[in-house]
Amino acid sequence: MYVFALDPWDQSKAFLLQFHVKKTGQLAAAVGEDQWAPVSVPRSSQATVDEIIAISTLSLHEARNRDFTMAFNILRLSTPPPPPADGMDDQDSYIPSRLKSKGPSEVAVKSDNAPAAQVPDSPVLVVQEEMFRVVSSSLVLLDVLAEYLDILNNISALTTEVMQRIIEVLKVVS
């Protein structure tokens, strides 16, 4: 009996290919089923945009010295991810559980004197002080792009391949 072991590079590329096929299909379905009517923007989606912008404005020196562990961690708006399963490290369990762990679209906020209140979804997405009304497929695209950025963060050796896949994803929605 022969056992073929893939080296880490091949495993990473196989993971990316499987991930890309899944996300491209998810996005194509979202675009095909979209009603093209404006939707409200969950706080988690706004937090993702804010985090992407914050990271993109760092200098190269700041970026090299910053800990990017869970850089696009919108889990802080809800519960922490479950502990990793046996034989899996945090990176393995984080990416698939990311969207499931976002929690409710409303987040409890508590000030010093007031009881916890609910922060409602916003009617617009704010990107660098510009407001945009969005449709549901654009929120799916935002989540997919954030997941690709998570992969870049966790498997930096795949930078070129991930960027090529992001271009392919953008072609799906154009």
Protein backbone atom coordinates (compact mmCIF):
# COMPACT_ATOMS: atom_id res chain seq x y z
CA MET A 1 0.00 0.00 0.00
CA TYR A 2 1.33 3.39 -0.96
CA VAL A 3 0.57 6.52 0.97
CA PHE A 4 1.11 9.81 -0.77
CA ALA A 5 1.71 12.76 1.49
CA LEU A 6 1.27 16.26 0.21
CA ASP A 7 3.79 18.81 1.26
CA PRO A 8 2.45 21.88 3.11
CA TRP A 9 2.62 24.01 -0.05
CA ASP A 10 0.41 21.56 -1.98
CA GLN A 11 -1.97 21.27 0.98
CA SER A 12 -2.27 25.04 1.18
CA LYS A 13 -2.98 25.34 -2.53
CA ALA A 14 -5.53 22.52 -2.34
CA PHE A 15 -7.23 24.28 0.57
CA LEU A 16 -7.31 27.55 -1.37
CA LEU A 17 -8.75 25.88 -4.46
CA GLN A 18 -11.50 24.17 -2.45
CA PHE A 19 -12.23 27.41 -0.58
CA HIS A 20 -12.34 29.39 -3.84
CA VAL A 21 -14.77 27.01 -5.52
CA LYS A 22 -17.06 27.12 -2.50
CA LYS A 23 -16.99 30.92 -2.14
CA THR A 24 -17.36 31.59 -5.86
CA GLY A 25 -20.44 29.37 -5.88
CA GLN A 26 -21.81 31.08 -2.78
CA LEU A 27 -21.30 34.51 -4.32
CA ALA A 28 -22.76 33.50 -7.70
CA ALA A 29 -25.86 32.19 -5.91
CA ALA A 30 -26.17 35.40 -3.89
CA VAL A 31 -25.90 37.55 -7.02
CA GLY A 32 -28.42 35.38 -8.87
CA GLU A 33 -30.94 35.43 -6.03
CA ASP A 34 -30.50 39.09 -5.07
CA GLN A 35 -33.63 41.24 -5.21
CA TRP A 36 -31.45 44.31 -5.89
CA ALA A 37 -33.24 46.29 -3.21
CA PRO A 38 -31.32 48.19 -0.52
CA VAL A 39 -30.85 46.26 2.73
CA SER A 40 -29.78 47.33 6.18
CA VAL A 41 -26.12 46.89 7.09
CA PRO A 42 -25.39 44.73 10.15
CA ARG A 43 -22.91 46.19 12.63
CA SER A 44 -20.61 43.22 11.95
CA SER A 45 -20.35 44.19 8.26
CA GLN A 46 -19.56 47.79 9.17
CA ALA A 47 -16.91 46.54 11.62
CA THR A 48 -15.34 44.44 8.85
CA VAL A 49 -15.12 47.47 6.54
CA ASP A 50 -13.67 49.60 9.34
CA GLU A 51 -11.02 46.96 10.10
CA ILE A 52 -10.03 46.58 6.44
CA ILE A 53 -9.65 50.35 6.09
CA ALA A 54 -7.66 50.62 9.33
CA ILE A 55 -5.23 47.93 8.20
CA SER A 56 -4.93 49.28 4.66
CA THR A 57 -3.81 52.68 5.94
CA LEU A 58 -0.88 51.30 7.96
CA SER A 59 2.63 52.03 6.77
CA LEU A 60 4.79 49.08 5.79
CA HIS A 61 6.77 49.49 9.03
CA GLU A 62 3.60 49.52 11.14
CA ALA A 63 2.21 46.53 9.27
CA ARG A 64 5.36 44.49 9.89
CA ASN A 65 5.26 45.29 13.61
CA ARG A 66 1.56 44.70 14.13
CA ASP A 67 0.14 41.42 15.31
CA PHE A 68 -2.41 40.47 12.67
CA THR A 69 -3.77 37.49 14.53
CA MET A 70 -7.46 37.52 13.75
CA ALA A 71 -7.09 40.98 12.20
CA PHE A 72 -10.59 40.86 10.78
CA ASN A 73 -11.98 39.47 13.99
CA ILE A 74 -15.58 40.51 14.08
CA LEU A 75 -16.15 37.83 16.65
CA ARG A 76 -15.62 40.45 19.35
CA LEU A 77 -19.14 41.60 18.53
CA SER A 78 -20.52 38.26 19.65
CA THR A 79 -19.21 35.17 21.37
CA PRO A 80 -15.66 33.88 20.98
CA PRO A 81 -15.08 31.00 18.57
CA PRO A 82 -15.31 27.51 19.98
CA PRO A 83 -12.07 25.93 21.16
CA PRO A 84 -10.21 24.06 18.43
CA ALA A 85 -10.99 20.40 17.93
CA ASP A 86 -8.36 17.81 18.70
CA GLY A 87 -5.58 17.92 16.14
CA MET A 88 -6.55 21.33 14.82
CA ASP A 89 -4.89 24.61 15.57
CA ASP A 90 -6.69 27.93 15.92
CA GLN A 91 -6.16 28.88 12.28
CA ASP A 92 -7.84 25.70 11.08
CA SER A 93 -10.96 26.28 13.17
CA TYR A 94 -11.16 30.04 12.77
CA ILE A 95 -11.73 30.41 9.05
CA PRO A 96 -14.71 28.02 8.64
CA SER A 97 -16.40 29.25 11.82
CA ARG A 98 -16.00 32.93 11.01
CA LEU A 99 -19.36 33.66 9.45
CA LYS A 100 -21.25 31.36 11.81
CA SER A 101 -19.82 33.21 14.81
CA LYS A 102 -20.88 36.71 13.85
CA GLY A 103 -23.84 36.50 16.16
CA PRO A 104 -26.93 38.64 15.96
CA SER A 105 -26.95 41.72 13.80
CA GLU A 106 -27.63 43.87 16.83
CA VAL A 107 -25.00 44.31 19.48
CA ALA A 108 -25.58 45.19 23.10
CA VAL A 109 -23.86 48.40 24.12
CA LYS A 110 -23.70 49.58 27.68
CA SER A 111 -22.64 53.00 28.91
CA ASP A 112 -21.68 53.75 32.51
CA ASN A 113 -25.09 55.09 33.55
CA ALA A 114 -27.48 53.42 31.13
CA PRO A 115 -28.62 49.83 30.84
CA ALA A 116 -27.60 47.81 27.82
CA ALA A 117 -29.25 49.04 24.64
CA GLN A 118 -29.43 47.52 21.21
CA VAL A 119 -27.52 49.13 18.36
CA PRO A 120 -29.73 48.76 15.31
CA ASP A 121 -28.51 47.91 11.84
CA SER A 122 -27.58 50.92 9.74
CA PRO A 123 -29.38 51.78 6.51
CA VAL A 124 -26.00 52.60 4.89
CA LEU A 125 -22.46 51.27 4.77
CA VAL A 126 -19.88 53.93 5.62
CA VAL A 127 -16.56 53.70 3.78
CA GLN A 128 -14.10 56.47 4.62
CA GLU A 129 -16.87 58.92 5.48
CA GLU A 130 -18.86 58.13 2.31
CA MET A 131 -22.24 56.46 2.70
CA PHE A 132 -23.46 53.70 0.40
CA ARG A 133 -26.81 51.92 0.21
CA VAL A 134 -26.07 48.28 -0.40
CA VAL A 135 -27.83 45.17 -1.65
CA SER A 136 -27.55 41.78 0.02
CA SER A 137 -25.07 40.34 -2.49
CA SER A 138 -22.65 43.19 -1.75
CA LEU A 139 -22.64 42.17 1.92
CA VAL A 140 -21.89 38.59 0.88
CA LEU A 141 -19.04 39.90 -1.30
CA LEU A 142 -17.69 41.87 1.66
CA ASP A 143 -17.68 38.76 3.85
CA VAL A 144 -16.02 36.68 1.12
CA LEU A 145 -13.30 39.28 0.60
CA ALA A 146 -12.69 39.46 4.35
CA GLU A 147 -12.30 35.68 4.44
CA TYR A 148 -9.72 35.85 1.64
CA LEU A 149 -7.86 38.46 3.68
CA ASP A 150 -7.98 36.09 6.64
CA ILE A 151 -6.31 33.46 4.46
CA LEU A 152 -3.63 35.97 3.44
CA ASN A 153 -3.08 36.68 7.11
CA ASN A 154 -2.80 33.03 8.05
CA ILE A 155 -1.06 31.59 4.98
CA SER A 156 1.09 34.41 3.61
CA ALA A 157 2.90 32.05 1.24
CA LEU A 158 -0.27 32.02 -0.87
CA THR A 159 -0.33 35.78 -1.47
CA THR A 160 -0.06 35.62 -5.26
CA GLU A 161 -2.60 32.81 -5.57
CA VAL A 162 -5.04 34.51 -3.20
CA MET A 163 -4.82 37.77 -5.12
CA GLN A 164 -5.55 35.90 -8.37
CA ARG A 165 -8.58 34.27 -6.74
CA ILE A 166 -9.82 37.64 -5.45
CA ILE A 167 -9.71 38.98 -9.03
CA GLU A 168 -11.74 35.96 -10.16
CA VAL A 169 -14.27 36.59 -7.38
CA LEU A 170 -14.64 40.22 -8.45
CA LYS A 171 -15.31 39.06 -12.01
CA VAL A 172 -18.25 37.00 -10.71
CA VAL A 173 -20.03 40.15 -9.52
CA SER A 174 -19.14 42.43 -12.42
